[in-house]
Amino acid sequence: MQVRIIVAAKGGFVLLRGGLPYFIKGADGTSYTNRLAQCERNYIRTWDAGNGDEVLTKAAKLNLTITMCLNVAHKRQGFNYDDVDLKTGGDVESRPQAMPFFITQKNLDAML
């Protein structure tokens, strides 16, 4: 499903999902997804894709959208954001393995 951000007529921005305004009502983490759905929430965010397939499947069943973050280190931990080869700082070994997951899953309806 297509997701876009547009400039609102009165200023600010509007998130569109499937061409309709989409208001995020959710939480961070995956521990209470059933409760979120029961409370008519629509969104969760995770900090990595470690169990991504499982989380996406459950989110789709509960009609939740999800944002999965690619875990990278912070500058204070030695990460160099200008290093285009991604050789410095962070969990360098896990990034190449995570990217195929994000590339193949990016167009799922549950992925925001």
Protein backbone atom coordinates (compact mmCIF):
# COMPACT_ATOMS: atom_id res chain seq x y z
CA MET A 1 0.00 0.00 0.00
CA GLN A 2 1.43 3.38 -0.96
CA VAL A 3 2.48 5.70 1.86
CA ARG A 4 3.22 9.37 1.26
CA ILE A 5 3.72 12.54 3.27
CA ILE A 6 2.21 15.73 1.88
CA VAL A 7 2.19 19.36 2.97
CA ALA A 8 -1.17 20.24 4.52
CA ALA A 9 -3.14 23.27 3.33
CA LYS A 10 -2.95 24.88 6.80
CA GLY A 11 0.72 24.08 7.22
CA GLY A 12 2.30 21.01 8.69
CA PHE A 13 2.21 17.61 7.09
CA VAL A 14 -0.28 14.78 6.49
CA LEU A 15 0.60 11.10 6.27
CA LEU A 16 -1.36 9.34 3.53
CA ARG A 17 -1.74 5.57 3.42
CA GLY A 18 -3.59 4.22 0.42
CA GLY A 19 -4.49 7.79 -0.52
CA LEU A 20 -6.29 8.48 2.79
CA PRO A 21 -5.08 10.44 5.82
CA TYR A 22 -3.51 8.05 8.30
CA PHE A 23 -3.23 9.02 11.95
CA ILE A 24 -0.76 6.95 13.94
CA LYS A 25 -2.23 5.71 17.20
CA GLY A 26 0.11 3.17 18.68
CA ALA A 27 3.08 2.25 20.76
CA ASP A 28 6.71 1.25 20.75
CA GLY A 29 7.52 -2.46 21.01
CA THR A 30 5.78 -5.76 20.37
CA SER A 31 4.96 -7.12 23.83
CA TYR A 32 1.34 -5.94 23.92
CA THR A 33 0.16 -6.02 20.32
CA ASN A 34 -3.06 -7.86 21.23
CA ARG A 35 -3.91 -5.16 23.79
CA LEU A 36 -3.15 -2.43 21.29
CA ALA A 37 -5.55 -3.95 18.78
CA GLN A 38 -8.23 -4.33 21.46
CA CYS A 39 -7.84 -0.62 22.29
CA GLU A 40 -8.33 0.26 18.62
CA ARG A 41 -4.72 1.32 18.10
CA ASN A 42 -3.25 0.94 14.61
CA TYR A 43 0.56 1.05 14.84
CA ILE A 44 3.68 -0.42 16.44
CA ARG A 45 7.38 0.41 16.09
CA THR A 46 10.25 -1.96 16.68
CA TRP A 47 13.94 -1.24 17.01
CA ASP A 48 15.24 -4.12 14.89
CA ALA A 49 14.18 -6.83 12.49
CA GLY A 50 15.44 -9.76 14.55
CA ASN A 51 12.08 -11.56 14.49
CA GLY A 52 10.68 -9.48 11.66
CA ASP A 53 8.65 -12.15 9.84
CA GLU A 54 6.87 -13.15 13.04
CA VAL A 55 6.15 -9.53 14.01
CA LEU A 56 4.87 -8.65 10.51
CA THR A 57 2.59 -11.69 10.42
CA LYS A 58 1.08 -10.88 13.81
CA ALA A 59 0.71 -7.18 12.96
CA ALA A 60 -1.12 -8.03 9.73
CA LYS A 61 -3.50 -10.39 11.56
CA LEU A 62 -4.28 -7.65 14.08
CA ASN A 63 -4.65 -4.97 11.37
CA LEU A 64 -1.68 -3.02 12.75
CA THR A 65 0.89 -1.15 10.71
CA ILE A 66 4.52 -1.32 11.72
CA THR A 67 7.76 0.57 11.37
CA MET A 68 10.89 -1.52 11.79
CA CYS A 69 14.10 0.31 12.45
CA LEU A 70 17.50 -0.70 11.19
CA ASN A 71 19.63 -0.71 14.31
CA VAL A 72 22.74 1.42 13.85
CA ALA A 73 25.10 2.84 16.42
CA HIS A 74 25.21 6.43 17.53
CA LYS A 75 27.97 8.91 16.81
CA ARG A 76 28.98 8.85 20.48
CA GLN A 77 29.58 5.10 20.07
CA GLY A 78 32.02 5.71 17.24
CA PHE A 79 29.62 5.46 14.31
CA ASN A 80 30.60 7.65 11.37
CA TYR A 81 27.54 8.67 9.34
CA ASP A 82 29.81 9.95 6.57
CA ASP A 83 31.33 6.50 6.02
CA VAL A 84 29.50 5.41 2.86
CA ASP A 85 30.97 1.91 3.13
CA LEU A 86 29.47 1.52 6.66
CA LYS A 87 32.76 0.23 8.03
CA THR A 88 32.86 2.19 11.27
CA GLY A 89 30.88 1.73 14.45
CA GLY A 90 27.72 -0.08 15.27
CA ASP A 91 26.72 -3.62 14.61
CA VAL A 92 28.48 -3.82 11.25
CA GLU A 93 28.04 -7.57 10.91
CA SER A 94 24.22 -7.56 11.21
CA ARG A 95 23.47 -4.72 8.78
CA PRO A 96 24.17 -6.61 5.54
CA GLN A 97 22.00 -9.51 6.71
CA ALA A 98 19.13 -7.19 7.70
CA MET A 99 18.96 -5.29 4.42
CA PRO A 100 17.53 -8.13 2.28
CA PHE A 101 14.72 -8.49 4.83
CA PHE A 102 13.83 -4.80 4.57
CA ILE A 103 14.05 -4.83 0.78
CA THR A 104 11.76 -7.85 0.40
CA GLN A 105 9.24 -6.74 3.04
CA LYS A 106 9.01 -3.00 2.33
CA ASN A 107 5.85 -3.26 0.20
CA LEU A 108 3.74 -5.32 2.61
CA ASP A 109 0.54 -3.63 3.71
CA ALA A 110 1.54 -3.87 7.37
CA MET A 111 4.86 -2.09 6.77
CA LEU A 112 4.54 1.65 7.11
